[in-house]
């Protein structure tokens, strides 16, 4: 499933996610293990100046694909790389200024 063809800004960021879970062994010795077998990327997709129709399209897409991987292209221009991702938080906050909508959507590589 591809991300809707709604422009997202160049402000979108990309960071590597390589979380390590720290815990204690039965002997009391500290131990660490990776949560994923390989580092994954996390992204924040930023949208500015969306119309009501574009906002509704994006909300419908995110609701229909909650916890289902979808594809984004990053960087968001010709020659970008496709990444399968999942929305991270399950909640998207919107702001409205001058009749246009803005949002940031956190996703992590699936």
PDB file of N, CA and C in Angstrom:
ATOM      1  N   UNK A   1       0.855  -1.167   0.000  1.00  0.00           N
ATOM      2  CA  UNK A   1       0.000   0.000   0.000  1.00  0.00           C
ATOM      3  C   UNK A   1       0.905   1.235   0.000  1.00  0.00           C
ATOM      4  N   UNK A   2       0.682   2.113  -0.944  1.00  0.00           N
ATOM      5  CA  UNK A   2       1.481   3.338  -1.045  1.00  0.00           C
ATOM      6  C   UNK A   2       0.834   4.480  -0.270  1.00  0.00           C
ATOM      7  N   UNK A   3       1.673   5.334   0.268  1.00  0.00           N
ATOM      8  CA  UNK A   3       1.222   6.532   0.964  1.00  0.00           C
ATOM      9  C   UNK A   3       0.468   7.411  -0.028  1.00  0.00           C
ATOM     10  N   UNK A   4      -0.585   8.116   0.402  1.00  0.00           N
ATOM     11  CA  UNK A   4      -1.341   8.952  -0.541  1.00  0.00           C
ATOM     12  C   UNK A   4      -0.447   9.972  -1.256  1.00  0.00           C
ATOM     13  N   UNK A   5      -0.844  10.321  -2.456  1.00  0.00           N
ATOM     14  CA  UNK A   5      -0.073  11.272  -3.266  1.00  0.00           C
ATOM     15  C   UNK A   5      -0.372  12.699  -2.822  1.00  0.00           C
ATOM     16  N   UNK A   6      -0.088  12.964  -1.561  1.00  0.00           N
ATOM     17  CA  UNK A   6      -0.255  14.293  -0.967  1.00  0.00           C
ATOM     18  C   UNK A   6       1.150  14.790  -0.658  1.00  0.00           C
ATOM     19  N   UNK A   7       1.532  15.958  -1.164  1.00  0.00           N
ATOM     20  CA  UNK A   7       2.904  16.404  -0.959  1.00  0.00           C
ATOM     21  C   UNK A   7       3.255  16.563   0.521  1.00  0.00           C
ATOM     22  N   UNK A   8       4.434  16.084   0.878  1.00  0.00           N
ATOM     23  CA  UNK A   8       4.938  16.322   2.224  1.00  0.00           C
ATOM     24  C   UNK A   8       6.218  17.121   2.110  1.00  0.00           C
ATOM     25  N   UNK A   9       6.491  17.872   3.143  1.00  0.00           N
ATOM     26  CA  UNK A   9       7.563  18.852   3.015  1.00  0.00           C
ATOM     27  C   UNK A   9       8.942  18.237   3.138  1.00  0.00           C
ATOM     28  N   UNK A  10       9.911  18.968   2.645  1.00  0.00           N
ATOM     29  CA  UNK A  10      11.323  18.605   2.697  1.00  0.00           C
ATOM     30  C   UNK A  10      11.823  18.594   4.142  1.00  0.00           C
ATOM     31  N   UNK A  11      11.052  19.183   5.066  1.00  0.00           N
ATOM     32  CA  UNK A  11      11.427  19.172   6.476  1.00  0.00           C
ATOM     33  C   UNK A  11      11.352  17.778   7.082  1.00  0.00           C
ATOM     34  N   UNK A  12      10.779  16.832   6.351  1.00  0.00           N
ATOM     35  CA  UNK A  12      10.699  15.470   6.862  1.00  0.00           C
ATOM     36  C   UNK A  12      12.093  15.000   7.264  1.00  0.00           C
ATOM     37  N   UNK A  13      12.185  14.359   8.394  1.00  0.00           N
ATOM     38  CA  UNK A  13      13.490  13.941   8.898  1.00  0.00           C
ATOM     39  C   UNK A  13      13.590  12.423   8.910  1.00  0.00           C
ATOM     40  N   UNK A  14      14.794  11.956   8.995  1.00  0.00           N
ATOM     41  CA  UNK A  14      15.070  10.523   8.951  1.00  0.00           C
ATOM     42  C   UNK A  14      16.171  10.236   9.958  1.00  0.00           C
ATOM     43  N   UNK A  15      15.928   9.332  10.900  1.00  0.00           N
ATOM     44  CA  UNK A  15      16.945   8.934  11.870  1.00  0.00           C
ATOM     45  C   UNK A  15      16.975   7.419  11.958  1.00  0.00           C
ATOM     46  N   UNK A  16      18.112   6.886  12.354  1.00  0.00           N
ATOM     47  CA  UNK A  16      18.238   5.441  12.532  1.00  0.00           C
ATOM     48  C   UNK A  16      17.692   5.041  13.893  1.00  0.00           C
ATOM     49  N   UNK A  17      16.910   3.980  13.915  1.00  0.00           N
ATOM     50  CA  UNK A  17      16.382   3.444  15.165  1.00  0.00           C
ATOM     51  C   UNK A  17      17.082   2.117  15.427  1.00  0.00           C
ATOM     52  N   UNK A  18      17.853   2.058  16.467  1.00  0.00           N
ATOM     53  CA  UNK A  18      18.569   0.835  16.824  1.00  0.00           C
ATOM     54  C   UNK A  18      18.462   0.646  18.339  1.00  0.00           C
ATOM     55  N   UNK A  19      17.223   0.516  18.855  1.00  0.00           N
ATOM     56  CA  UNK A  19      17.058   0.459  20.299  1.00  0.00           C
ATOM     57  C   UNK A  19      17.635  -0.809  20.915  1.00  0.00           C
ATOM     58  N   UNK A  20      18.147  -0.633  22.107  1.00  0.00           N
ATOM     59  CA  UNK A  20      18.716  -1.740  22.876  1.00  0.00           C
ATOM     60  C   UNK A  20      17.942  -1.838  24.183  1.00  0.00           C
ATOM     61  N   UNK A  21      17.512  -3.037  24.545  1.00  0.00           N
ATOM     62  CA  UNK A  21      16.785  -3.277  25.774  1.00  0.00           C
ATOM     63  C   UNK A  21      17.792  -3.684  26.847  1.00  0.00           C
ATOM     64  N   UNK A  22      17.867  -2.903  27.904  1.00  0.00           N
ATOM     65  CA  UNK A  22      18.762  -3.209  29.020  1.00  0.00           C
ATOM     66  C   UNK A  22      17.962  -3.894  30.109  1.00  0.00           C
ATOM     67  N   UNK A  23      18.527  -4.961  30.675  1.00  0.00           N
ATOM     68  CA  UNK A  23      17.870  -5.678  31.765  1.00  0.00           C
ATOM     69  C   UNK A  23      18.937  -6.330  32.641  1.00  0.00           C
ATOM     70  N   UNK A  24      18.485  -7.107  33.594  1.00  0.00           N
ATOM     71  CA  UNK A  24      19.409  -7.764  34.517  1.00  0.00           C
ATOM     72  C   UNK A  24      19.199  -9.265  34.447  1.00  0.00           C
ATOM     73  N   UNK A  25      20.287 -10.001  34.354  1.00  0.00           N
ATOM     74  CA  UNK A  25      20.226 -11.457  34.337  1.00  0.00           C
ATOM     75  C   UNK A  25      19.888 -11.973  35.737  1.00  0.00           C
ATOM     76  N   UNK A  26      19.533 -13.250  35.850  1.00  0.00           N
ATOM     77  CA  UNK A  26      19.218 -13.843  37.164  1.00  0.00           C
ATOM     78  C   UNK A  26      20.379 -13.701  38.127  1.00  0.00           C
ATOM     79  N   UNK A  27      21.582 -13.728  37.602  1.00  0.00           N
ATOM     80  CA  UNK A  27      22.771 -13.607  38.449  1.00  0.00           C
ATOM     81  C   UNK A  27      22.989 -12.173  38.930  1.00  0.00           C
ATOM     82  N   UNK A  28      22.212 -11.228  38.391  1.00  0.00           N
ATOM     83  CA  UNK A  28      22.375  -9.824  38.755  1.00  0.00           C
ATOM     84  C   UNK A  28      23.256  -9.058  37.786  1.00  0.00           C
ATOM     85  N   UNK A  29      23.853  -9.769  36.832  1.00  0.00           N
ATOM     86  CA  UNK A  29      24.717  -9.107  35.860  1.00  0.00           C
ATOM     87  C   UNK A  29      23.867  -8.356  34.837  1.00  0.00           C
ATOM     88  N   UNK A  30      24.317  -7.180  34.428  1.00  0.00           N
ATOM     89  CA  UNK A  30      23.552  -6.458  33.406  1.00  0.00           C
ATOM     90  C   UNK A  30      23.655  -7.167  32.054  1.00  0.00           C
ATOM     91  N   UNK A  31      22.587  -7.084  31.281  1.00  0.00           N
ATOM     92  CA  UNK A  31      22.621  -7.651  29.937  1.00  0.00           C
ATOM     93  C   UNK A  31      21.865  -6.714  29.001  1.00  0.00           C
ATOM     94  N   UNK A  32      22.212  -6.796  27.739  1.00  0.00           N
ATOM     95  CA  UNK A  32      21.585  -5.942  26.737  1.00  0.00           C
ATOM     96  C   UNK A  32      21.288  -6.778  25.505  1.00  0.00           C
ATOM     97  N   UNK A  33      20.186  -6.452  24.860  1.00  0.00           N
ATOM     98  CA  UNK A  33      19.865  -7.114  23.597  1.00  0.00           C
ATOM     99  C   UNK A  33      19.176  -6.116  22.679  1.00  0.00           C
ATOM    100  N   UNK A  34      19.407  -6.296  21.398  1.00  0.00           N
ATOM    101  CA  UNK A  34      18.784  -5.433  20.395  1.00  0.00           C
ATOM    102  C   UNK A  34      17.320  -5.819  20.240  1.00  0.00           C
ATOM    103  N   UNK A  35      16.467  -4.810  20.048  1.00  0.00           N
ATOM    104  CA  UNK A  35      15.055  -5.086  19.824  1.00  0.00           C
ATOM    105  C   UNK A  35      14.787  -5.543  18.398  1.00  0.00           C
ATOM    106  N   UNK A  36      15.655  -5.171  17.455  1.00  0.00           N
ATOM    107  CA  UNK A  36      15.494  -5.547  16.056  1.00  0.00           C
ATOM    108  C   UNK A  36      16.789  -6.195  15.588  1.00  0.00           C
ATOM    109  N   UNK A  37      16.709  -7.142  14.648  1.00  0.00           N
ATOM    110  CA  UNK A  37      17.928  -7.790  14.170  1.00  0.00           C
ATOM    111  C   UNK A  37      18.853  -6.844  13.401  1.00  0.00           C
ATOM    112  N   UNK A  38      18.303  -5.755  12.867  1.00  0.00           N
ATOM    113  CA  UNK A  38      19.110  -4.776  12.130  1.00  0.00           C
ATOM    114  C   UNK A  38      18.568  -3.383  12.440  1.00  0.00           C
ATOM    115  N   UNK A  39      19.406  -2.359  12.329  1.00  0.00           N
ATOM    116  CA  UNK A  39      18.892  -0.998  12.566  1.00  0.00           C
ATOM    117  C   UNK A  39      17.752  -0.670  11.605  1.00  0.00           C
ATOM    118  N   UNK A  40      16.764   0.060  12.112  1.00  0.00           N
ATOM    119  CA  UNK A  40      15.638   0.483  11.284  1.00  0.00           C
ATOM    120  C   UNK A  40      15.610   2.006  11.278  1.00  0.00           C
ATOM    121  N   UNK A  41      14.995   2.549  10.269  1.00  0.00           N
ATOM    122  CA  UNK A  41      14.879   4.002  10.176  1.00  0.00           C
ATOM    123  C   UNK A  41      13.540   4.434  10.747  1.00  0.00           C
ATOM    124  N   UNK A  42      13.557   5.595  11.378  1.00  0.00           N
ATOM    125  CA  UNK A  42      12.290   6.209  11.771  1.00  0.00           C
ATOM    126  C   UNK A  42      12.221   7.564  11.081  1.00  0.00           C
ATOM    127  N   UNK A  43      11.029   7.963  10.715  1.00  0.00           N
ATOM    128  CA  UNK A  43      10.814   9.180   9.949  1.00  0.00           C
ATOM    129  C   UNK A  43       9.743  10.027  10.617  1.00  0.00           C
ATOM    130  N   UNK A  44       9.812  11.318  10.413  1.00  0.00           N
ATOM    131  CA  UNK A  44       8.713  12.222  10.743  1.00  0.00           C
ATOM    132  C   UNK A  44       8.310  12.893   9.438  1.00  0.00           C
ATOM    133  N   UNK A  45       7.121  12.552   8.978  1.00  0.00           N
ATOM    134  CA  UNK A  45       6.609  13.114   7.722  1.00  0.00           C
ATOM    135  C   UNK A  45       5.837  14.376   8.087  1.00  0.00           C
ATOM    136  N   UNK A  46       6.209  15.491   7.484  1.00  0.00           N
ATOM    137  CA  UNK A  46       5.602  16.775   7.799  1.00  0.00           C
ATOM    138  C   UNK A  46       4.761  17.261   6.633  1.00  0.00           C
ATOM    139  N   UNK A  47       3.514  17.592   6.937  1.00  0.00           N
ATOM    140  CA  UNK A  47       2.601  18.140   5.938  1.00  0.00           C
ATOM    141  C   UNK A  47       2.231  19.559   6.349  1.00  0.00           C
ATOM    142  N   UNK A  48       2.257  20.495   5.403  1.00  0.00           N
ATOM    143  CA  UNK A  48       1.825  21.869   5.636  1.00  0.00           C
ATOM    144  C   UNK A  48       0.863  22.276   4.534  1.00  0.00           C
ATOM    145  N   UNK A  49      -0.098  23.111   4.870  1.00  0.00           N
ATOM    146  CA  UNK A  49      -0.974  23.701   3.867  1.00  0.00           C
ATOM    147  C   UNK A  49      -1.926  22.741   3.200  1.00  0.00           C
ATOM    148  N   UNK A  50      -2.420  21.736   3.938  1.00  0.00           N
ATOM    149  CA  UNK A  50      -3.346  20.778   3.345  1.00  0.00           C
ATOM    150  C   UNK A  50      -4.770  21.346   3.312  1.00  0.00           C
ATOM    151  N   UNK A  51      -5.491  21.001   2.277  1.00  0.00           N
ATOM    152  CA  UNK A  51      -6.904  21.363   2.182  1.00  0.00           C
ATOM    153  C   UNK A  51      -7.709  20.401   3.059  1.00  0.00           C
ATOM    154  N   UNK A  52      -8.982  20.716   3.250  1.00  0.00           N
ATOM    155  CA  UNK A  52      -9.855  19.820   4.017  1.00  0.00           C
ATOM    156  C   UNK A  52      -9.929  18.448   3.349  1.00  0.00           C
ATOM    157  N   UNK A  53     -10.004  18.409   2.024  1.00  0.00           N
ATOM    158  CA  UNK A  53     -10.085  17.137   1.296  1.00  0.00           C
ATOM    159  C   UNK A  53      -8.801  16.324   1.462  1.00  0.00           C
ATOM    160  N   UNK A  54      -7.638  16.980   1.393  1.00  0.00           N
ATOM    161  CA  UNK A  54      -6.365  16.270   1.578  1.00  0.00           C
ATOM    162  C   UNK A  54      -6.247  15.738   3.003  1.00  0.00           C
ATOM    163  N   UNK A  55      -6.675  16.522   3.966  1.00  0.00           N
ATOM    164  CA  UNK A  55      -6.655  16.075   5.372  1.00  0.00           C
ATOM    165  C   UNK A  55      -7.527  14.838   5.531  1.00  0.00           C
ATOM    166  N   UNK A  56      -8.726  14.880   4.961  1.00  0.00           N
ATOM    167  CA  UNK A  56      -9.641  13.743   5.078  1.00  0.00           C
ATOM    168  C   UNK A  56      -9.057  12.504   4.403  1.00  0.00           C
ATOM    169  N   UNK A  57      -8.440  12.676   3.231  1.00  0.00           N
ATOM    170  CA  UNK A  57      -7.798  11.560   2.537  1.00  0.00           C
ATOM    171  C   UNK A  57      -6.716  10.930   3.407  1.00  0.00           C
ATOM    172  N   UNK A  58      -5.892  11.762   4.020  1.00  0.00           N
ATOM    173  CA  UNK A  58      -4.814  11.274   4.869  1.00  0.00           C
ATOM    174  C   UNK A  58      -5.367  10.584   6.114  1.00  0.00           C
ATOM    175  N   UNK A  59      -6.367  11.164   6.749  1.00  0.00           N
ATOM    176  CA  UNK A  59      -6.977  10.536   7.921  1.00  0.00           C
ATOM    177  C   UNK A  59      -7.591   9.179   7.566  1.00  0.00           C
ATOM    178  N   UNK A  60      -8.298   9.116   6.440  1.00  0.00           N
ATOM    179  CA  UNK A  60      -8.903   7.849   6.006  1.00  0.00           C
ATOM    180  C   UNK A  60      -7.831   6.794   5.755  1.00  0.00           C
ATOM    181  N   UNK A  61      -6.740   7.198   5.099  1.00  0.00           N
ATOM    182  CA  UNK A  61      -5.651   6.268   4.813  1.00  0.00           C
ATOM    183  C   UNK A  61      -5.035   5.735   6.111  1.00  0.00           C
ATOM    184  N   UNK A  62      -4.740   6.623   7.052  1.00  0.00           N
ATOM    185  CA  UNK A  62      -4.105   6.208   8.302  1.00  0.00           C
ATOM    186  C   UNK A  62      -5.034   5.342   9.145  1.00  0.00           C
ATOM    187  N   UNK A  63      -6.330   5.645   9.128  1.00  0.00           N
ATOM    188  CA  UNK A  63      -7.294   4.830   9.871  1.00  0.00           C
ATOM    189  C   UNK A  63      -7.396   3.436   9.256  1.00  0.00           C
ATOM    190  N   UNK A  64      -7.472   3.361   7.945  1.00  0.00           N
ATOM    191  CA  UNK A  64      -7.602   2.071   7.250  1.00  0.00           C
ATOM    192  C   UNK A  64      -6.337   1.230   7.361  1.00  0.00           C
ATOM    193  N   UNK A  65      -5.190   1.873   7.560  1.00  0.00           N
ATOM    194  CA  UNK A  65      -3.912   1.144   7.562  1.00  0.00           C
ATOM    195  C   UNK A  65      -3.216   1.156   8.920  1.00  0.00           C
ATOM    196  N   UNK A  66      -3.977   1.313   9.973  1.00  0.00           N
ATOM    197  CA  UNK A  66      -3.398   1.292  11.310  1.00  0.00           C
ATOM    198  C   UNK A  66      -2.749  -0.072  11.550  1.00  0.00           C
ATOM    199  N   UNK A  67      -1.510  -0.065  11.923  1.00  0.00           N
ATOM    200  CA  UNK A  67      -0.722  -1.272  12.196  1.00  0.00           C
ATOM    201  C   UNK A  67      -0.511  -2.155  10.960  1.00  0.00           C
ATOM    202  N   UNK A  68      -0.699  -1.581   9.776  1.00  0.00           N
ATOM    203  CA  UNK A  68      -0.433  -2.290   8.523  1.00  0.00           C
ATOM    204  C   UNK A  68       0.676  -1.533   7.802  1.00  0.00           C
ATOM    205  N   UNK A  69       1.735  -2.221   7.373  1.00  0.00           N
ATOM    206  CA  UNK A  69       2.807  -1.514   6.678  1.00  0.00           C
ATOM    207  C   UNK A  69       2.315  -0.846   5.387  1.00  0.00           C
ATOM    208  N   UNK A  70       2.839   0.343   5.133  1.00  0.00           N
ATOM    209  CA  UNK A  70       2.595   1.041   3.878  1.00  0.00           C
ATOM    210  C   UNK A  70       3.923   1.615   3.412  1.00  0.00           C
ATOM    211  N   UNK A  71       3.973   2.076   2.163  1.00  0.00           N
ATOM    212  CA  UNK A  71       5.232   2.505   1.567  1.00  0.00           C
ATOM    213  C   UNK A  71       5.302   4.021   1.456  1.00  0.00           C
ATOM    214  N   UNK A  72       6.441   4.592   1.872  1.00  0.00           N
ATOM    215  CA  UNK A  72       6.722   6.005   1.639  1.00  0.00           C
ATOM    216  C   UNK A  72       8.001   6.094   0.821  1.00  0.00           C
ATOM    217  N   UNK A  73       8.197   7.212   0.168  1.00  0.00           N
ATOM    218  CA  UNK A  73       9.435   7.463  -0.577  1.00  0.00           C
ATOM    219  C   UNK A  73      10.176   8.564   0.160  1.00  0.00           C
ATOM    220  N   UNK A  74      11.433   8.296   0.515  1.00  0.00           N
ATOM    221  CA  UNK A  74      12.256   9.294   1.203  1.00  0.00           C
ATOM    222  C   UNK A  74      13.638   9.312   0.574  1.00  0.00           C
ATOM    223  N   UNK A  75      14.231  10.436   0.258  1.00  0.00           N
ATOM    224  CA  UNK A  75      13.636  11.758   0.353  1.00  0.00           C
ATOM    225  C   UNK A  75      12.467  11.882  -0.608  1.00  0.00           C
ATOM    226  N   UNK A  76      11.586  12.825  -0.315  1.00  0.00           N
ATOM    227  CA  UNK A  76      10.320  12.940  -1.050  1.00  0.00           C
ATOM    228  C   UNK A  76      10.505  13.680  -2.367  1.00  0.00           C
ATOM    229  N   UNK A  77      11.297  13.101  -3.235  1.00  0.00           N
ATOM    230  CA  UNK A  77      11.517  13.669  -4.569  1.00  0.00           C
ATOM    231  C   UNK A  77      11.934  12.530  -5.503  1.00  0.00           C
ATOM    232  N   UNK A  78      12.045  12.829  -6.768  1.00  0.00           N
ATOM    233  CA  UNK A  78      12.437  11.812  -7.742  1.00  0.00           C
ATOM    234  C   UNK A  78      13.792  11.229  -7.319  1.00  0.00           C
ATOM    235  N   UNK A  79      13.906   9.936  -7.358  1.00  0.00           N
ATOM    236  CA  UNK A  79      15.154   9.286  -6.966  1.00  0.00           C
ATOM    237  C   UNK A  79      15.185   8.883  -5.504  1.00  0.00           C
ATOM    238  N   UNK A  80      14.083   9.148  -4.775  1.00  0.00           N
ATOM    239  CA  UNK A  80      14.016   8.743  -3.375  1.00  0.00           C
ATOM    240  C   UNK A  80      13.911   7.230  -3.264  1.00  0.00           C
ATOM    241  N   UNK A  81      14.158   6.710  -2.077  1.00  0.00           N
ATOM    242  CA  UNK A  81      14.118   5.279  -1.819  1.00  0.00           C
ATOM    243  C   UNK A  81      12.778   4.935  -1.172  1.00  0.00           C
ATOM    244  N   UNK A  82      12.167   3.824  -1.578  1.00  0.00           N
ATOM    245  CA  UNK A  82      10.915   3.367  -0.980  1.00  0.00           C
ATOM    246  C   UNK A  82      11.198   2.598   0.299  1.00  0.00           C
ATOM    247  N   UNK A  83      10.461   2.928   1.350  1.00  0.00           N
ATOM    248  CA  UNK A  83      10.582   2.238   2.636  1.00  0.00           C
ATOM    249  C   UNK A  83       9.209   1.747   3.080  1.00  0.00           C
ATOM    250  N   UNK A  84       9.106   0.466   3.494  1.00  0.00           N
ATOM    251  CA  UNK A  84       7.869   0.029   4.130  1.00  0.00           C
ATOM    252  C   UNK A  84       7.890   0.537   5.575  1.00  0.00           C
ATOM    253  N   UNK A  85       6.827   1.174   6.006  1.00  0.00           N
ATOM    254  CA  UNK A  85       6.775   1.760   7.348  1.00  0.00           C
ATOM    255  C   UNK A  85       5.435   1.470   8.016  1.00  0.00           C
ATOM    256  N   UNK A  86       5.387   1.688   9.330  1.00  0.00           N
ATOM    257  CA  UNK A  86       4.167   1.589  10.121  1.00  0.00           C
ATOM    258  C   UNK A  86       4.070   2.864  10.938  1.00  0.00           C
ATOM    259  N   UNK A  87       2.862   3.418  11.050  1.00  0.00           N
ATOM    260  CA  UNK A  87       2.677   4.597  11.887  1.00  0.00           C
ATOM    261  C   UNK A  87       3.016   4.222  13.319  1.00  0.00           C
ATOM    262  N   UNK A  88       3.782   5.094  13.986  1.00  0.00           N
ATOM    263  CA  UNK A  88       4.345   4.761  15.280  1.00  0.00           C
ATOM    264  C   UNK A  88       3.384   4.964  16.450  1.00  0.00           C
ATOM    265  N   UNK A  89       2.651   6.045  16.477  1.00  0.00           N
ATOM    266  CA  UNK A  89       1.899   6.399  17.679  1.00  0.00           C
ATOM    267  C   UNK A  89       0.432   6.018  17.649  1.00  0.00           C
ATOM    268  N   UNK A  90      -0.166   5.920  16.474  1.00  0.00           N
ATOM    269  CA  UNK A  90      -1.587   5.662  16.390  1.00  0.00           C
ATOM    270  C   UNK A  90      -2.425   6.917  16.574  1.00  0.00           C
ATOM    271  N   UNK A  91      -1.763   8.037  16.860  1.00  0.00           N
ATOM    272  CA  UNK A  91      -2.479   9.298  17.030  1.00  0.00           C
ATOM    273  C   UNK A  91      -1.780  10.375  16.209  1.00  0.00           C
ATOM    274  N   UNK A  92      -2.565  11.101  15.436  1.00  0.00           N
ATOM    275  CA  UNK A  92      -2.020  12.191  14.631  1.00  0.00           C
ATOM    276  C   UNK A  92      -2.676  13.478  15.101  1.00  0.00           C
ATOM    277  N   UNK A  93      -1.864  14.467  15.435  1.00  0.00           N
ATOM    278  CA  UNK A  93      -2.394  15.756  15.864  1.00  0.00           C
ATOM    279  C   UNK A  93      -2.365  16.725  14.693  1.00  0.00           C
ATOM    280  N   UNK A  94      -3.439  17.479  14.566  1.00  0.00           N
ATOM    281  CA  UNK A  94      -3.596  18.429  13.465  1.00  0.00           C
ATOM    282  C   UNK A  94      -3.637  19.844  14.014  1.00  0.00           C
ATOM    283  N   UNK A  95      -3.151  20.785  13.226  1.00  0.00           N
ATOM    284  CA  UNK A  95      -3.310  22.202  13.545  1.00  0.00           C
ATOM    285  C   UNK A  95      -3.813  22.899  12.287  1.00  0.00           C
ATOM    286  N   UNK A  96      -4.602  23.966  12.501  1.00  0.00           N
ATOM    287  CA  UNK A  96      -5.182  24.671  11.365  1.00  0.00           C
ATOM    288  C   UNK A  96      -4.843  26.151  11.476  1.00  0.00           C
ATOM    289  N   UNK A  97      -4.325  26.713  10.392  1.00  0.00           N
ATOM    290  CA  UNK A  97      -4.012  28.139  10.323  1.00  0.00           C
ATOM    291  C   UNK A  97      -4.387  28.641   8.938  1.00  0.00           C
ATOM    292  N   UNK A  98      -5.075  29.746   8.896  1.00  0.00           N
ATOM    293  CA  UNK A  98      -5.497  30.357   7.625  1.00  0.00           C
ATOM    294  C   UNK A  98      -6.262  29.383   6.729  1.00  0.00           C
ATOM    295  N   UNK A  99      -7.054  28.507   7.361  1.00  0.00           N
ATOM    296  CA  UNK A  99      -7.873  27.572   6.604  1.00  0.00           C
ATOM    297  C   UNK A  99      -7.140  26.373   6.052  1.00  0.00           C
ATOM    298  N   UNK A 100      -5.846  26.203   6.376  1.00  0.00           N
ATOM    299  CA  UNK A 100      -5.049  25.068   5.890  1.00  0.00           C
ATOM    300  C   UNK A 100      -4.587  24.223   7.073  1.00  0.00           C
ATOM    301  N   UNK A 101      -4.434  22.931   6.847  1.00  0.00           N
ATOM    302  CA  UNK A 101      -4.068  21.983   7.902  1.00  0.00           C
ATOM    303  C   UNK A 101      -2.589  21.626   7.839  1.00  0.00           C
ATOM    304  N   UNK A 102      -2.019  21.347   9.018  1.00  0.00           N
ATOM    305  CA  UNK A 102      -0.629  20.882   9.131  1.00  0.00           C
ATOM    306  C   UNK A 102      -0.580  19.726  10.121  1.00  0.00           C
ATOM    307  N   UNK A 103       0.375  18.829   9.918  1.00  0.00           N
ATOM    308  CA  UNK A 103       0.564  17.710  10.847  1.00  0.00           C
ATOM    309  C   UNK A 103       1.960  17.133  10.690  1.00  0.00           C
ATOM    310  N   UNK A 104       2.391  16.405  11.709  1.00  0.00           N
ATOM    311  CA  UNK A 104       3.619  15.597  11.673  1.00  0.00           C
ATOM    312  C   UNK A 104       3.214  14.167  11.968  1.00  0.00           C
ATOM    313  N   UNK A 105       3.685  13.237  11.177  1.00  0.00           N
ATOM    314  CA  UNK A 105       3.320  11.834  11.344  1.00  0.00           C
ATOM    315  C   UNK A 105       4.598  11.032  11.575  1.00  0.00           C
ATOM    316  N   UNK A 106       4.685  10.392  12.742  1.00  0.00           N
ATOM    317  CA  UNK A 106       5.853   9.581  13.078  1.00  0.00           C
ATOM    318  C   UNK A 106       5.627   8.158  12.580  1.00  0.00           C
ATOM    319  N   UNK A 107       6.593   7.660  11.800  1.00  0.00           N
ATOM    320  CA  UNK A 107       6.532   6.290  11.298  1.00  0.00           C
ATOM    321  C   UNK A 107       7.884   5.619  11.534  1.00  0.00           C
ATOM    322  N   UNK A 108       7.868   4.299  11.583  1.00  0.00           N
ATOM    323  CA  UNK A 108       9.105   3.528  11.748  1.00  0.00           C
ATOM    324  C   UNK A 108       9.147   2.456  10.670  1.00  0.00           C
ATOM    325  N   UNK A 109      10.340   2.167  10.204  1.00  0.00           N
ATOM    326  CA  UNK A 109      10.529   1.169   9.143  1.00  0.00           C
ATOM    327  C   UNK A 109      10.008  -0.180   9.613  1.00  0.00           C
ATOM    328  N   UNK A 110       9.216  -0.834   8.780  1.00  0.00           N
ATOM    329  CA  UNK A 110       8.619  -2.134   9.135  1.00  0.00           C
ATOM    330  C   UNK A 110       9.608  -3.248   8.922  1.00  0.00           C
TER     331      UNK A 110
END
